[in-house]
């Protein structure tokens, strides 16, 4: 049972945090790489520790980390800069996670229900896999996501480990870019090679959403498998990605199927977001559009989407029920 003293401490903690965020936002324009370099240089041997601490505090206070990661690469080089930036980001992300869990997780568990509650339950079920996905595929702002994940039941150890490992590619890319920028300004040799490597790292980070989407794709379902699942106590969502005319046409459609044409999925993703962590069976006439739709859903965080092999043509050949 929460005591008055505990409640007062939570309120005070929240007030200090809100004040810190407000100050950080107000003075964000004064933060630049040169100022940070001056502070770190003045700290001498303690410079790396000061940089890590500054990065952690900035993460808690919603200061964008990209400028800090670039500065880390410029100050310490690509290897040490990556390590220091990644350590500071992980410490800050963990602090935000713990603060959110301490201040509001209990309230969220009591008050949140409906679709949002189901989504939170699904995130907790995915655990570290969901953390890894959102770190590699930045669907949400990094700083806000740290607090949001604290409201779930994801284990702290899983959150820290997945965050550290999956933030590594981005930290390495931006640190090397900062290092290459410093070398360019200093007129050092090998600038072409350094520039190409920096661009290659950024391209790898940019491609990571597609890579993760492919990794998250689930094995296909046969029509017999889908028929059995639909007869169970917890049937999947059947997502028919054909056009409305096909949905009502000669092949008809599976009873209870939701029709969202493939070319409208991006615009209508919110209509099916409640199934982001629940089973989804994707079907079209054959399976070509379903394969493309599965990649779109994976990029949007759907963790259990399956393509129905052979599509409606296979469903009809098997003599399974349809609805005109």
Protein backbone atom coordinates (compact mmCIF):
# COMPACT_ATOMS: atom_id res chain seq x y z
CA UNK A 1 0.00 0.00 0.00
CA UNK A 2 1.37 3.41 -0.96
CA UNK A 3 2.12 5.72 1.99
CA UNK A 4 1.76 9.49 2.00
CA UNK A 5 5.52 9.87 2.20
CA UNK A 6 6.01 7.65 -0.84
CA UNK A 7 3.37 9.57 -2.79
CA UNK A 8 4.97 12.89 -1.85
CA UNK A 9 8.37 11.63 -2.95
CA UNK A 10 6.96 10.48 -6.29
CA UNK A 11 5.32 13.86 -6.85
CA UNK A 12 8.56 15.67 -5.97
CA UNK A 13 10.55 13.41 -8.29
CA UNK A 14 8.12 14.07 -11.12
CA UNK A 15 8.27 17.83 -10.49
CA UNK A 16 12.09 17.84 -10.59
CA UNK A 17 12.07 15.75 -13.77
CA UNK A 18 9.50 18.01 -15.47
CA UNK A 19 11.50 21.09 -14.46
CA UNK A 20 14.70 19.58 -15.82
CA UNK A 21 13.03 18.74 -19.14
CA UNK A 22 11.65 22.28 -19.41
CA UNK A 23 15.09 23.82 -18.76
CA UNK A 24 16.74 21.45 -21.24
CA UNK A 25 14.20 22.35 -23.93
CA UNK A 26 14.59 26.07 -23.24
CA UNK A 27 18.40 25.98 -23.51
CA UNK A 28 18.67 23.31 -26.19
CA UNK A 29 19.88 25.86 -28.74
CA UNK A 30 23.01 26.53 -26.69
CA UNK A 31 24.19 22.93 -26.87
CA UNK A 32 26.70 22.45 -29.66
CA UNK A 33 29.73 20.31 -30.33
CA UNK A 34 32.22 23.12 -29.64
CA UNK A 35 30.75 23.84 -26.21
CA UNK A 36 30.80 20.15 -25.34
CA UNK A 37 34.39 19.85 -26.55
CA UNK A 38 35.39 22.73 -24.27
CA UNK A 39 33.74 21.14 -21.22
CA UNK A 40 35.24 17.73 -21.87
CA UNK A 41 38.69 19.18 -22.60
CA UNK A 42 38.65 21.14 -19.36
CA UNK A 43 37.90 17.94 -17.43
CA UNK A 44 41.22 16.38 -18.45
CA UNK A 45 41.49 12.68 -17.68
CA UNK A 46 37.91 12.70 -16.41
CA UNK A 47 36.69 13.87 -19.82
CA UNK A 48 35.26 10.49 -20.94
CA UNK A 49 33.37 10.09 -17.66
CA UNK A 50 32.01 13.63 -17.99
CA UNK A 51 30.91 12.91 -21.54
CA UNK A 52 29.13 9.70 -20.53
CA UNK A 53 27.39 11.48 -17.63
CA UNK A 54 26.34 14.38 -19.88
CA UNK A 55 24.96 11.95 -22.46
CA UNK A 56 22.98 10.05 -19.80
CA UNK A 57 21.47 13.23 -18.35
CA UNK A 58 20.65 14.54 -21.83
CA UNK A 59 18.81 11.30 -22.62
CA UNK A 60 16.69 11.59 -19.48
CA UNK A 61 15.88 15.23 -20.28
CA UNK A 62 14.79 14.61 -23.90
CA UNK A 63 17.85 16.20 -25.52
CA UNK A 64 18.46 14.64 -28.98
CA UNK A 65 21.41 12.28 -28.84
CA UNK A 66 22.59 12.58 -32.43
CA UNK A 67 24.63 15.74 -31.82
CA UNK A 68 26.25 14.11 -28.79
CA UNK A 69 27.15 10.96 -30.72
CA UNK A 70 28.67 13.03 -33.52
CA UNK A 71 30.62 15.02 -30.94
CA UNK A 72 31.78 11.80 -29.28
CA UNK A 73 33.26 10.57 -32.54
CA UNK A 74 34.97 13.90 -33.12
CA UNK A 75 36.36 14.06 -29.57
CA UNK A 76 37.44 10.48 -28.95
CA UNK A 77 37.65 8.81 -32.36
CA UNK A 78 35.34 6.20 -33.90
CA UNK A 79 36.00 3.32 -31.46
CA UNK A 80 36.16 5.11 -28.11
CA UNK A 81 33.50 7.57 -29.26
CA UNK A 82 31.13 4.72 -30.05
CA UNK A 83 31.78 3.08 -26.67
CA UNK A 84 31.31 6.28 -24.67
CA UNK A 85 28.19 7.36 -26.58
CA UNK A 86 26.65 3.90 -26.35
CA UNK A 87 27.38 3.69 -22.62
CA UNK A 88 25.90 7.12 -21.94
CA UNK A 89 22.83 6.40 -24.06
CA UNK A 90 22.25 3.06 -22.33
CA UNK A 91 22.62 4.56 -18.84
CA UNK A 92 20.24 7.40 -19.74
CA UNK A 93 17.71 5.08 -21.37
CA UNK A 94 17.81 2.82 -18.30
CA UNK A 95 17.33 5.76 -15.95
CA UNK A 96 14.30 6.94 -17.94
CA UNK A 97 12.89 3.41 -17.97
CA UNK A 98 13.27 3.05 -14.19
CA UNK A 99 11.83 6.51 -13.53
CA UNK A 100 8.74 5.76 -15.61
CA UNK A 101 8.28 2.39 -13.92
CA UNK A 102 8.63 3.92 -10.46
CA UNK A 103 6.45 6.96 -11.11
CA UNK A 104 3.64 5.61 -13.26
CA UNK A 105 3.76 1.87 -13.99
CA UNK A 106 1.32 1.06 -11.19
CA UNK A 107 -1.08 3.76 -12.32
CA UNK A 108 -0.85 2.56 -15.94
CA UNK A 109 -1.57 -1.05 -14.92
CA UNK A 110 -4.72 0.04 -13.08
CA UNK A 111 -6.04 2.58 -15.55
CA UNK A 112 -5.04 1.42 -19.01
CA UNK A 113 -7.39 -1.05 -20.70
CA UNK A 114 -8.98 -1.83 -24.04
CA UNK A 115 -6.79 -1.80 -27.11
CA UNK A 116 -3.94 0.05 -25.43
CA UNK A 117 -3.91 -2.48 -22.60
CA UNK A 118 -3.79 -5.33 -25.10
CA UNK A 119 -0.90 -3.65 -26.89
CA UNK A 120 1.03 -3.23 -23.63
CA UNK A 121 0.44 -6.91 -22.81
CA UNK A 122 1.68 -7.87 -26.26
CA UNK A 123 4.84 -5.78 -25.82
CA UNK A 124 5.53 -7.49 -22.49
CA UNK A 125 5.04 -10.90 -24.15
CA UNK A 126 7.60 -10.05 -26.86
CA UNK A 127 10.04 -8.77 -24.22
CA UNK A 128 13.60 -8.23 -25.45
CA UNK A 129 12.56 -8.95 -29.05
CA UNK A 130 10.33 -5.88 -29.07
CA UNK A 131 13.09 -3.73 -27.53
CA UNK A 132 15.54 -4.97 -30.16
CA UNK A 133 13.06 -4.20 -32.93
CA UNK A 134 12.32 -0.63 -31.86
CA UNK A 135 16.01 0.11 -31.31
CA UNK A 136 16.91 -1.07 -34.81
CA UNK A 137 13.78 0.38 -36.43
CA UNK A 138 13.14 3.82 -34.92
CA UNK A 139 9.34 3.90 -35.09
CA UNK A 140 9.10 6.26 -32.14
CA UNK A 141 11.32 9.06 -30.77
CA UNK A 142 14.15 7.50 -28.76
CA UNK A 143 13.76 9.60 -25.62
CA UNK A 144 9.98 9.18 -25.37
CA UNK A 145 10.26 5.45 -26.06
CA UNK A 146 12.50 4.95 -23.02
CA UNK A 147 9.75 6.23 -20.74
CA UNK A 148 6.98 4.41 -22.60
CA UNK A 149 8.72 1.04 -22.26
CA UNK A 150 9.02 1.63 -18.53
CA UNK A 151 5.22 1.39 -18.30
CA UNK A 152 5.30 -2.18 -19.61
CA UNK A 153 6.31 -5.37 -17.80
CA UNK A 154 9.49 -5.92 -19.85
CA UNK A 155 12.28 -7.18 -17.59
CA UNK A 156 14.92 -4.56 -16.80
CA UNK A 157 17.83 -6.86 -17.64
CA UNK A 158 16.34 -7.69 -21.04
CA UNK A 159 15.69 -4.01 -21.73
CA UNK A 160 19.27 -2.99 -20.90
CA UNK A 161 20.94 -5.80 -22.86
CA UNK A 162 18.77 -5.40 -25.97
CA UNK A 163 19.15 -1.61 -25.91
CA UNK A 164 22.94 -1.73 -25.65
CA UNK A 165 23.42 -4.28 -28.42
CA UNK A 166 20.84 -2.91 -30.85
CA UNK A 167 21.84 0.74 -30.47
CA UNK A 168 25.40 -0.22 -31.44
CA UNK A 169 25.01 0.10 -35.26
CA UNK A 170 23.57 3.62 -35.05
CA UNK A 171 26.14 4.73 -32.47
CA UNK A 172 29.00 3.40 -34.60
CA UNK A 173 27.70 5.10 -37.74
CA UNK A 174 27.22 8.52 -36.15
CA UNK A 175 30.49 8.34 -34.21
CA UNK A 176 32.41 7.56 -37.35
CA UNK A 177 30.63 10.37 -39.17
CA UNK A 178 31.71 12.80 -36.43
CA UNK A 179 35.26 11.50 -36.63
CA UNK A 180 35.31 11.85 -40.44
CA UNK A 181 34.01 15.41 -40.13
CA UNK A 182 36.81 16.30 -37.71
CA UNK A 183 39.40 14.79 -40.03
CA UNK A 184 37.98 16.75 -42.96
CA UNK A 185 38.23 20.04 -41.08
CA UNK A 186 41.77 19.19 -39.98
CA UNK A 187 42.83 18.41 -43.57
CA UNK A 188 43.96 14.88 -42.76
CA UNK A 189 44.72 12.33 -45.45
CA UNK A 190 42.52 9.48 -46.62
CA UNK A 191 39.40 11.63 -46.59
CA UNK A 192 37.79 9.82 -49.52
CA UNK A 193 38.10 6.44 -47.81
CA UNK A 194 36.85 7.82 -44.50
CA UNK A 195 33.91 9.52 -46.19
CA UNK A 196 32.93 6.40 -48.10
CA UNK A 197 33.10 4.28 -44.94
CA UNK A 198 30.93 6.81 -43.07
CA UNK A 199 28.36 6.76 -45.86
CA UNK A 200 28.45 2.95 -45.90
CA UNK A 201 27.74 2.80 -42.16
CA UNK A 202 24.84 5.23 -42.52
CA UNK A 203 23.46 3.20 -45.42
CA UNK A 204 23.63 0.07 -43.25
CA UNK A 205 21.65 1.82 -40.51
CA UNK A 206 19.13 3.07 -43.08
CA UNK A 207 18.71 -0.46 -44.46
CA UNK A 208 18.27 -2.04 -41.02
CA UNK A 209 14.45 -1.58 -40.97
CA UNK A 210 14.14 -3.75 -44.08
CA UNK A 211 16.53 -6.31 -42.64
CA UNK A 212 14.63 -6.50 -39.36
CA UNK A 213 11.34 -6.72 -41.24
CA UNK A 214 12.61 -9.79 -43.07
CA UNK A 215 13.90 -11.37 -39.86
CA UNK A 216 10.56 -10.82 -38.11
CA UNK A 217 8.53 -12.47 -40.86
CA UNK A 218 6.83 -15.63 -39.61
CA UNK A 219 6.62 -18.93 -41.54
CA UNK A 220 3.67 -19.22 -43.95
CA UNK A 221 0.39 -20.89 -43.07
CA UNK A 222 -1.29 -23.56 -45.14
CA UNK A 223 -5.01 -23.15 -45.67
CA UNK A 224 -5.57 -26.25 -43.52
CA UNK A 225 -3.60 -24.65 -40.68
CA UNK A 226 -5.62 -21.46 -40.99
CA UNK A 227 -8.88 -23.42 -41.00
CA UNK A 228 -7.93 -25.11 -37.74
CA UNK A 229 -6.87 -21.84 -36.15
CA UNK A 230 -10.13 -20.14 -37.11
CA UNK A 231 -12.05 -22.94 -35.38
CA UNK A 232 -10.04 -22.50 -32.16
CA UNK A 233 -10.91 -20.40 -29.13
CA UNK A 234 -8.39 -17.70 -30.12
CA UNK A 235 -8.63 -17.22 -33.90
CA UNK A 236 -6.21 -14.91 -35.71
CA UNK A 237 -7.15 -11.78 -37.59
CA UNK A 238 -7.61 -12.68 -41.27
CA UNK A 239 -6.33 -9.71 -43.25
CA UNK A 240 -7.52 -9.85 -46.86
CA UNK A 241 -5.30 -7.50 -48.90
CA UNK A 242 -7.14 -7.85 -52.21
CA UNK A 243 -9.11 -5.02 -53.77
CA UNK A 244 -12.75 -4.54 -52.65
CA UNK A 245 -13.92 -5.89 -56.01
CA UNK A 246 -11.91 -9.10 -55.53
CA UNK A 247 -13.08 -9.36 -51.92
CA UNK A 248 -16.68 -9.45 -53.15
CA UNK A 249 -15.87 -11.27 -56.40
CA UNK A 250 -15.91 -14.84 -57.68
CA UNK A 251 -13.56 -16.24 -55.03
CA UNK A 252 -15.54 -14.45 -52.28
CA UNK A 253 -13.76 -14.17 -48.91
CA UNK A 254 -13.19 -15.99 -45.65
CA UNK A 255 -15.92 -15.25 -43.08
CA UNK A 256 -14.84 -12.53 -40.61
CA UNK A 257 -11.93 -11.48 -42.87
CA UNK A 258 -11.02 -7.79 -42.72
CA UNK A 259 -10.45 -6.21 -46.12
CA UNK A 260 -7.59 -3.70 -46.25
CA UNK A 261 -6.25 -3.50 -49.82
CA UNK A 262 -2.49 -3.76 -50.09
CA UNK A 263 -2.07 -0.24 -51.45
CA UNK A 264 -3.96 1.18 -48.43
CA UNK A 265 -2.16 -0.65 -45.63
CA UNK A 266 0.27 2.16 -44.80
CA UNK A 267 -2.54 4.71 -44.55
CA UNK A 268 -4.86 2.43 -42.55
CA UNK A 269 -2.34 0.75 -40.25
CA UNK A 270 -4.03 2.22 -37.15
CA UNK A 271 -7.19 0.23 -37.91
CA UNK A 272 -5.39 -3.04 -37.21
CA UNK A 273 -2.74 -1.83 -34.74
CA UNK A 274 -4.46 -3.72 -31.92
CA UNK A 275 -3.14 -6.90 -33.58
CA UNK A 276 0.49 -5.71 -33.55
CA UNK A 277 1.42 -8.40 -31.03
CA UNK A 278 -1.31 -10.94 -31.90
CA UNK A 279 -1.64 -13.49 -34.74
CA UNK A 280 -2.48 -12.15 -38.20
CA UNK A 281 -3.10 -14.31 -41.28
CA UNK A 282 -2.56 -12.36 -44.51
CA UNK A 283 -4.32 -13.57 -47.63
CA UNK A 284 -4.71 -12.41 -51.23
CA UNK A 285 -5.61 -14.23 -54.46
CA UNK A 286 -2.35 -16.23 -54.54
CA UNK A 287 0.30 -14.99 -52.11
CA UNK A 288 2.30 -12.34 -53.97
CA UNK A 289 0.60 -9.32 -52.40
CA UNK A 290 0.48 -11.09 -49.05
CA UNK A 291 4.28 -11.40 -49.01
CA UNK A 292 4.61 -7.67 -49.65
CA UNK A 293 1.98 -6.88 -47.02
CA UNK A 294 3.86 -9.02 -44.47
CA UNK A 295 6.97 -6.87 -44.96
CA UNK A 296 4.93 -3.70 -44.41
CA UNK A 297 3.41 -5.08 -41.21
CA UNK A 298 6.82 -6.20 -39.94
CA UNK A 299 8.18 -2.68 -40.44
CA UNK A 300 5.28 -1.37 -38.37
CA UNK A 301 6.03 -3.71 -35.48
CA UNK A 302 3.61 -6.60 -36.16
CA UNK A 303 5.27 -9.57 -34.50
CA UNK A 304 3.10 -12.52 -35.54
CA UNK A 305 1.97 -12.00 -39.14
CA UNK A 306 1.80 -15.06 -41.42
CA UNK A 307 1.21 -15.32 -45.17
CA UNK A 308 -1.46 -17.84 -46.19
CA UNK A 309 0.20 -20.08 -48.78
CA UNK A 310 -1.70 -20.25 -52.05
CA UNK A 311 -4.18 -17.54 -50.99
CA UNK A 312 -7.88 -17.67 -51.74
CA UNK A 313 -7.34 -19.95 -54.73
CA UNK A 314 -5.93 -22.64 -52.41
CA UNK A 315 -8.68 -21.94 -49.85
CA UNK A 316 -11.39 -22.51 -52.45
CA UNK A 317 -9.70 -25.65 -53.82
CA UNK A 318 -9.71 -27.08 -50.32
CA UNK A 319 -13.47 -26.54 -50.11
CA UNK A 320 -13.24 -24.39 -47.00
CA UNK A 321 -16.08 -22.00 -46.11
CA UNK A 322 -16.43 -18.62 -47.81
CA UNK A 323 -18.76 -15.68 -47.58
CA UNK A 324 -20.02 -13.84 -50.63
